[in-house]
Amino acid sequence: KATLTDIGTEELAHWEIIGTIVWKLVKDAPEEITIHFRDFTYKLNSNAGVFSKDKLDEGTRILLETVLDNQSEPVSCLDLGCGIGPIALILMEYWKHTEMTMIDVNQRACQLADSNMKKYRRKAKIICQSGINEGQYACILLNPPIRTGKSMIYSLFDQCMEHLATDGHFWIVMRKQHGAQSAINYLQEKGYEVEKVARDKGYWVMKISR
């Protein structure tokens, strides 16, 4: 015969399983977020496990403002580490003829980016992979994944410069406290021209050319 203790333990285990299932369902439930940029408002599909899942990251906003004010419409553009797609989506509001490519290592982010591009009838090539494997781009934008560490970030810098067109521009946004000056030193030591275009709220926006 089962004792009261056995029954209680069994029922507790049952509710723990149910709780785990419900938590996973809630965690993976897509949500819609609203972002505002200049005169435009976007409602984007988002979810847990993606960068800045509930808002437009401040560094990304400053990067977008700076690039749109200082970069003429390029033939091609790469949004590296695209997340759910706000950079590409907003740029294509202004750049009507740019061939846009988006790359992110996070499969969920790429799926959400694809759904957001379709929602706003934008056409872009979305690639789920780590880093850049091919192509040449007239403009590359990167908000570096700081938590991955300096080695990974500098590897991404090298890849971006390798895949930057001859007269192209590579744009980076970084906090000063996260090593913006060290990044400038690294790129200058590689022989590249680095211009500090903007400083805002602790963020530096840099334009790198060959």
C-alpha atoms as a PDB file:
ATOM      1  CA  LYS A   1       0.000   0.000   0.000  1.00  0.00           C
ATOM      2  CA  ALA A   2       1.101   3.520  -0.783  1.00  0.00           C
ATOM      3  CA  THR A   3       1.556   5.696   2.260  1.00  0.00           C
ATOM      4  CA  LEU A   4       0.308   9.263   2.547  1.00  0.00           C
ATOM      5  CA  THR A   5       3.883  10.440   2.218  1.00  0.00           C
ATOM      6  CA  ASP A   6       4.314   8.481  -1.044  1.00  0.00           C
ATOM      7  CA  ILE A   7       1.119   9.950  -2.482  1.00  0.00           C
ATOM      8  CA  GLY A   8       2.136  13.460  -1.489  1.00  0.00           C
ATOM      9  CA  THR A   9       5.585  13.049  -3.037  1.00  0.00           C
ATOM     10  CA  GLU A  10       4.088  11.611  -6.205  1.00  0.00           C
ATOM     11  CA  GLU A  11       1.613  14.470  -6.546  1.00  0.00           C
ATOM     12  CA  LEU A  12       4.314  17.048  -5.868  1.00  0.00           C
ATOM     13  CA  ALA A  13       6.445  15.545  -8.635  1.00  0.00           C
ATOM     14  CA  HIS A  14       3.427  15.658 -10.935  1.00  0.00           C
ATOM     15  CA  TRP A  15       2.891  19.373 -10.286  1.00  0.00           C
ATOM     16  CA  GLU A  16       6.602  20.081 -10.732  1.00  0.00           C
ATOM     17  CA  ILE A  17       6.438  18.511 -14.195  1.00  0.00           C
ATOM     18  CA  ILE A  18       3.370  20.576 -15.075  1.00  0.00           C
ATOM     19  CA  GLY A  19       5.063  23.699 -13.745  1.00  0.00           C
ATOM     20  CA  THR A  20       8.150  23.037 -15.863  1.00  0.00           C
ATOM     21  CA  ILE A  21       6.041  22.571 -19.000  1.00  0.00           C
ATOM     22  CA  VAL A  22       4.076  25.775 -18.354  1.00  0.00           C
ATOM     23  CA  TRP A  23       7.304  27.722 -17.684  1.00  0.00           C
ATOM     24  CA  LYS A  24       8.789  26.534 -20.973  1.00  0.00           C
ATOM     25  CA  LEU A  25       5.645  27.466 -22.868  1.00  0.00           C
ATOM     26  CA  VAL A  26       5.617  30.935 -21.323  1.00  0.00           C
ATOM     27  CA  LYS A  27       9.342  31.383 -21.897  1.00  0.00           C
ATOM     28  CA  ASP A  28       9.020  30.461 -25.564  1.00  0.00           C
ATOM     29  CA  ALA A  29       5.839  32.439 -26.177  1.00  0.00           C
ATOM     30  CA  PRO A  30       6.489  35.112 -28.813  1.00  0.00           C
ATOM     31  CA  GLU A  31       5.726  38.671 -27.794  1.00  0.00           C
ATOM     32  CA  GLU A  32       5.267  41.899 -29.699  1.00  0.00           C
ATOM     33  CA  ILE A  33       7.317  44.931 -28.738  1.00  0.00           C
ATOM     34  CA  THR A  34       6.917  48.523 -29.877  1.00  0.00           C
ATOM     35  CA  ILE A  35       9.918  50.624 -30.845  1.00  0.00           C
ATOM     36  CA  HIS A  36       9.962  54.251 -31.934  1.00  0.00           C
ATOM     37  CA  PHE A  37      12.640  55.766 -34.141  1.00  0.00           C
ATOM     38  CA  ARG A  38      12.346  59.311 -35.419  1.00  0.00           C
ATOM     39  CA  ASP A  39       8.970  59.516 -37.181  1.00  0.00           C
ATOM     40  CA  PHE A  40       8.408  55.774 -37.368  1.00  0.00           C
ATOM     41  CA  THR A  41       6.869  53.208 -35.029  1.00  0.00           C
ATOM     42  CA  TYR A  42       7.415  49.474 -35.396  1.00  0.00           C
ATOM     43  CA  LYS A  43       5.771  46.523 -33.724  1.00  0.00           C
ATOM     44  CA  LEU A  44       8.310  43.709 -33.809  1.00  0.00           C
ATOM     45  CA  ASN A  45       8.067  40.035 -32.937  1.00  0.00           C
ATOM     46  CA  SER A  46      10.445  39.186 -30.105  1.00  0.00           C
ATOM     47  CA  ASN A  47      11.064  36.439 -27.567  1.00  0.00           C
ATOM     48  CA  ALA A  48      13.262  35.394 -24.677  1.00  0.00           C
ATOM     49  CA  GLY A  49      16.836  34.476 -25.523  1.00  0.00           C
ATOM     50  CA  VAL A  50      17.502  37.291 -27.994  1.00  0.00           C
ATOM     51  CA  PHE A  51      19.478  40.514 -27.573  1.00  0.00           C
ATOM     52  CA  SER A  52      17.462  43.448 -26.183  1.00  0.00           C
ATOM     53  CA  LYS A  53      14.240  41.456 -26.392  1.00  0.00           C
ATOM     54  CA  ASP A  54      11.923  44.174 -25.070  1.00  0.00           C
ATOM     55  CA  LYS A  55      13.281  47.461 -26.463  1.00  0.00           C
ATOM     56  CA  LEU A  56      15.603  49.139 -28.926  1.00  0.00           C
ATOM     57  CA  ASP A  57      19.014  49.046 -27.257  1.00  0.00           C
ATOM     58  CA  GLU A  58      20.410  52.532 -26.593  1.00  0.00           C
ATOM     59  CA  GLY A  59      23.697  51.762 -28.319  1.00  0.00           C
ATOM     60  CA  THR A  60      21.821  50.517 -31.391  1.00  0.00           C
ATOM     61  CA  ARG A  61      19.722  53.694 -31.450  1.00  0.00           C
ATOM     62  CA  ILE A  62      22.816  55.899 -31.305  1.00  0.00           C
ATOM     63  CA  LEU A  63      24.505  53.824 -34.017  1.00  0.00           C
ATOM     64  CA  LEU A  64      21.471  54.176 -36.295  1.00  0.00           C
ATOM     65  CA  GLU A  65      21.212  57.931 -35.735  1.00  0.00           C
ATOM     66  CA  THR A  66      24.910  58.410 -36.486  1.00  0.00           C
ATOM     67  CA  VAL A  67      25.004  56.218 -39.582  1.00  0.00           C
ATOM     68  CA  LEU A  68      21.897  57.794 -41.115  1.00  0.00           C
ATOM     69  CA  ASP A  69      23.346  61.270 -40.526  1.00  0.00           C
ATOM     70  CA  ASN A  70      26.803  60.463 -41.921  1.00  0.00           C
ATOM     71  CA  GLN A  71      26.523  57.631 -44.438  1.00  0.00           C
ATOM     72  CA  SER A  72      25.158  58.008 -47.960  1.00  0.00           C
ATOM     73  CA  GLU A  73      22.986  55.158 -49.214  1.00  0.00           C
ATOM     74  CA  PRO A  74      25.308  52.227 -49.996  1.00  0.00           C
ATOM     75  CA  VAL A  75      24.911  49.613 -52.706  1.00  0.00           C
ATOM     76  CA  SER A  76      25.095  46.848 -50.108  1.00  0.00           C
ATOM     77  CA  CYS A  77      24.971  46.650 -46.329  1.00  0.00           C
ATOM     78  CA  LEU A  78      25.633  43.971 -43.719  1.00  0.00           C
ATOM     79  CA  ASP A  79      23.891  44.036 -40.349  1.00  0.00           C
ATOM     80  CA  LEU A  80      26.173  41.758 -38.322  1.00  0.00           C
ATOM     81  CA  GLY A  81      24.572  40.402 -35.155  1.00  0.00           C
ATOM     82  CA  CYS A  82      21.167  41.470 -36.452  1.00  0.00           C
ATOM     83  CA  GLY A  83      19.073  40.105 -33.574  1.00  0.00           C
ATOM     84  CA  ILE A  84      15.367  40.458 -34.366  1.00  0.00           C
ATOM     85  CA  GLY A  85      16.192  42.919 -37.143  1.00  0.00           C
ATOM     86  CA  PRO A  86      15.665  46.544 -35.998  1.00  0.00           C
ATOM     87  CA  ILE A  87      18.812  47.932 -37.653  1.00  0.00           C
ATOM     88  CA  ALA A  88      18.124  46.513 -41.108  1.00  0.00           C
ATOM     89  CA  LEU A  89      14.432  47.304 -40.866  1.00  0.00           C
ATOM     90  CA  ILE A  90      15.018  50.956 -39.972  1.00  0.00           C
ATOM     91  CA  LEU A  91      17.848  51.479 -42.466  1.00  0.00           C
ATOM     92  CA  MET A  92      15.645  50.164 -45.261  1.00  0.00           C
ATOM     93  CA  GLU A  93      13.083  52.824 -44.369  1.00  0.00           C
ATOM     94  CA  TYR A  94      15.639  55.351 -45.603  1.00  0.00           C
ATOM     95  CA  TRP A  95      17.786  53.312 -47.991  1.00  0.00           C
ATOM     96  CA  LYS A  96      15.348  52.139 -50.637  1.00  0.00           C
ATOM     97  CA  HIS A  97      17.833  50.553 -53.031  1.00  0.00           C
ATOM     98  CA  THR A  98      20.413  48.960 -50.711  1.00  0.00           C
ATOM     99  CA  GLU A  99      20.947  45.207 -50.898  1.00  0.00           C
ATOM    100  CA  MET A 100      20.670  44.162 -47.247  1.00  0.00           C
ATOM    101  CA  THR A 101      22.253  41.104 -45.609  1.00  0.00           C
ATOM    102  CA  MET A 102      21.651  40.123 -41.990  1.00  0.00           C
ATOM    103  CA  ILE A 103      23.716  37.655 -39.955  1.00  0.00           C
ATOM    104  CA  ASP A 104      23.195  36.279 -36.467  1.00  0.00           C
ATOM    105  CA  VAL A 105      24.393  33.141 -34.698  1.00  0.00           C
ATOM    106  CA  ASN A 106      21.103  32.805 -32.809  1.00  0.00           C
ATOM    107  CA  GLN A 107      18.595  30.746 -34.780  1.00  0.00           C
ATOM    108  CA  ARG A 108      15.615  32.085 -32.841  1.00  0.00           C
ATOM    109  CA  ALA A 109      16.730  35.660 -33.542  1.00  0.00           C
ATOM    110  CA  CYS A 110      17.035  34.891 -37.262  1.00  0.00           C
ATOM    111  CA  GLN A 111      13.537  33.402 -37.338  1.00  0.00           C
ATOM    112  CA  LEU A 112      12.131  36.471 -35.616  1.00  0.00           C
ATOM    113  CA  ALA A 113      14.082  38.799 -37.909  1.00  0.00           C
ATOM    114  CA  ASP A 114      12.629  36.972 -40.909  1.00  0.00           C
ATOM    115  CA  SER A 115       9.088  37.364 -39.553  1.00  0.00           C
ATOM    116  CA  ASN A 116       9.663  41.078 -38.886  1.00  0.00           C
ATOM    117  CA  MET A 117      11.043  41.714 -42.356  1.00  0.00           C
ATOM    118  CA  LYS A 118       8.045  39.965 -43.882  1.00  0.00           C
ATOM    119  CA  LYS A 119       5.660  41.923 -41.667  1.00  0.00           C
ATOM    120  CA  TYR A 120       7.011  45.181 -43.094  1.00  0.00           C
ATOM    121  CA  ARG A 121       7.535  43.808 -46.604  1.00  0.00           C
ATOM    122  CA  ARG A 122      11.279  44.243 -46.585  1.00  0.00           C
ATOM    123  CA  LYS A 123      13.575  41.996 -48.593  1.00  0.00           C
ATOM    124  CA  ALA A 124      16.869  40.948 -47.061  1.00  0.00           C
ATOM    125  CA  LYS A 125      19.161  37.931 -47.051  1.00  0.00           C
ATOM    126  CA  ILE A 126      19.161  36.454 -43.538  1.00  0.00           C
ATOM    127  CA  ILE A 127      21.939  34.027 -42.620  1.00  0.00           C
ATOM    128  CA  CYS A 128      22.165  32.082 -39.378  1.00  0.00           C
ATOM    129  CA  GLN A 129      25.864  31.536 -38.700  1.00  0.00           C
ATOM    130  CA  SER A 130      28.797  32.711 -36.598  1.00  0.00           C
ATOM    131  CA  GLY A 131      30.724  35.474 -38.347  1.00  0.00           C
ATOM    132  CA  ILE A 132      31.097  36.290 -42.041  1.00  0.00           C
ATOM    133  CA  ASN A 133      31.972  33.590 -44.556  1.00  0.00           C
ATOM    134  CA  GLU A 134      31.542  35.359 -47.879  1.00  0.00           C
ATOM    135  CA  GLY A 135      30.620  38.545 -49.683  1.00  0.00           C
ATOM    136  CA  GLN A 136      31.862  42.119 -49.936  1.00  0.00           C
ATOM    137  CA  TYR A 137      29.837  44.953 -48.444  1.00  0.00           C
ATOM    138  CA  ALA A 138      29.891  48.713 -48.946  1.00  0.00           C
ATOM    139  CA  CYS A 139      28.664  49.257 -45.393  1.00  0.00           C
ATOM    140  CA  ILE A 140      28.856  47.042 -42.290  1.00  0.00           C
ATOM    141  CA  LEU A 141      27.262  47.776 -38.913  1.00  0.00           C
ATOM    142  CA  LEU A 142      28.154  46.064 -35.654  1.00  0.00           C
ATOM    143  CA  ASN A 143      27.102  46.501 -32.049  1.00  0.00           C
ATOM    144  CA  PRO A 144      29.677  44.051 -30.641  1.00  0.00           C
ATOM    145  CA  PRO A 145      28.585  41.223 -28.325  1.00  0.00           C
ATOM    146  CA  ILE A 146      30.649  42.416 -25.354  1.00  0.00           C
ATOM    147  CA  ARG A 147      30.027  39.323 -23.224  1.00  0.00           C
ATOM    148  CA  THR A 148      31.792  37.085 -25.739  1.00  0.00           C
ATOM    149  CA  GLY A 149      35.132  38.660 -24.814  1.00  0.00           C
ATOM    150  CA  LYS A 150      37.837  40.681 -26.543  1.00  0.00           C
ATOM    151  CA  SER A 151      39.224  37.797 -28.589  1.00  0.00           C
ATOM    152  CA  MET A 152      35.875  37.072 -30.248  1.00  0.00           C
ATOM    153  CA  ILE A 153      35.083  40.760 -30.784  1.00  0.00           C
ATOM    154  CA  TYR A 154      38.439  41.447 -32.437  1.00  0.00           C
ATOM    155  CA  SER A 155      37.951  38.378 -34.623  1.00  0.00           C
ATOM    156  CA  LEU A 156      34.667  39.925 -35.797  1.00  0.00           C
ATOM    157  CA  PHE A 157      36.511  43.207 -36.498  1.00  0.00           C
ATOM    158  CA  ASP A 158      39.014  41.337 -38.663  1.00  0.00           C
ATOM    159  CA  GLN A 159      36.248  39.537 -40.545  1.00  0.00           C
ATOM    160  CA  CYS A 160      34.396  42.783 -41.155  1.00  0.00           C
ATOM    161  CA  MET A 161      37.461  44.466 -42.609  1.00  0.00           C
ATOM    162  CA  GLU A 162      38.197  41.411 -44.748  1.00  0.00           C
ATOM    163  CA  HIS A 163      34.694  41.603 -46.223  1.00  0.00           C
ATOM    164  CA  LEU A 164      34.510  45.387 -46.522  1.00  0.00           C
ATOM    165  CA  ALA A 165      34.512  46.784 -50.061  1.00  0.00           C
ATOM    166  CA  THR A 166      37.482  48.952 -51.025  1.00  0.00           C
ATOM    167  CA  ASP A 167      35.680  52.262 -50.512  1.00  0.00           C
ATOM    168  CA  GLY A 168      33.321  50.952 -47.850  1.00  0.00           C
ATOM    169  CA  HIS A 169      32.743  51.930 -44.230  1.00  0.00           C
ATOM    170  CA  PHE A 170      32.584  49.728 -41.150  1.00  0.00           C
ATOM    171  CA  TRP A 171      30.558  51.223 -38.288  1.00  0.00           C
ATOM    172  CA  ILE A 172      30.938  50.178 -34.642  1.00  0.00           C
ATOM    173  CA  VAL A 173      29.213  51.363 -31.475  1.00  0.00           C
ATOM    174  CA  MET A 174      30.849  50.644 -28.109  1.00  0.00           C
ATOM    175  CA  ARG A 175      30.746  52.015 -24.603  1.00  0.00           C
ATOM    176  CA  LYS A 176      33.924  53.767 -23.530  1.00  0.00           C
ATOM    177  CA  GLN A 177      33.988  51.584 -20.396  1.00  0.00           C
ATOM    178  CA  HIS A 178      33.735  48.438 -22.527  1.00  0.00           C
ATOM    179  CA  GLY A 179      36.984  49.121 -24.338  1.00  0.00           C
ATOM    180  CA  ALA A 180      36.181  51.569 -27.129  1.00  0.00           C
ATOM    181  CA  GLN A 181      39.639  53.149 -27.017  1.00  0.00           C
ATOM    182  CA  SER A 182      41.344  49.740 -27.041  1.00  0.00           C
ATOM    183  CA  ALA A 183      39.260  48.825 -30.096  1.00  0.00           C
ATOM    184  CA  ILE A 184      40.411  51.999 -31.840  1.00  0.00           C
ATOM    185  CA  ASN A 185      44.032  51.218 -31.009  1.00  0.00           C
ATOM    186  CA  TYR A 186      43.667  47.667 -32.322  1.00  0.00           C
ATOM    187  CA  LEU A 187      42.185  48.781 -35.638  1.00  0.00           C
ATOM    188  CA  GLN A 188      44.727  51.570 -36.101  1.00  0.00           C
ATOM    189  CA  GLU A 189      47.573  49.130 -35.444  1.00  0.00           C
ATOM    190  CA  LYS A 190      46.146  47.031 -38.282  1.00  0.00           C
ATOM    191  CA  GLY A 191      46.613  50.048 -40.542  1.00  0.00           C
ATOM    192  CA  TYR A 192      42.986  51.123 -40.829  1.00  0.00           C
ATOM    193  CA  GLU A 193      41.660  54.666 -40.663  1.00  0.00           C
ATOM    194  CA  VAL A 194      39.427  55.145 -37.621  1.00  0.00           C
ATOM    195  CA  GLU A 195      37.213  58.188 -37.148  1.00  0.00           C
ATOM    196  CA  LYS A 196      35.353  58.810 -33.902  1.00  0.00           C
ATOM    197  CA  VAL A 197      32.136  60.220 -35.358  1.00  0.00           C
ATOM    198  CA  ALA A 198      29.903  60.500 -32.290  1.00  0.00           C
ATOM    199  CA  ARG A 199      29.897  60.319 -28.494  1.00  0.00           C
ATOM    200  CA  ASP A 200      26.609  60.044 -26.654  1.00  0.00           C
ATOM    201  CA  LYS A 201      25.600  58.705 -23.227  1.00  0.00           C
ATOM    202  CA  GLY A 202      28.901  56.876 -22.796  1.00  0.00           C
ATOM    203  CA  TYR A 203      28.783  55.322 -26.278  1.00  0.00           C
ATOM    204  CA  TRP A 204      31.311  55.964 -29.021  1.00  0.00           C
ATOM    205  CA  VAL A 205      30.438  55.465 -32.676  1.00  0.00           C
ATOM    206  CA  MET A 206      33.415  54.780 -34.915  1.00  0.00           C
ATOM    207  CA  LYS A 207      33.739  54.696 -38.691  1.00  0.00           C
ATOM    208  CA  ILE A 208      36.525  52.488 -40.023  1.00  0.00           C
ATOM    209  CA  SER A 209      37.903  52.645 -43.541  1.00  0.00           C
ATOM    210  CA  ARG A 210      40.792  51.020 -45.369  1.00  0.00           C
END
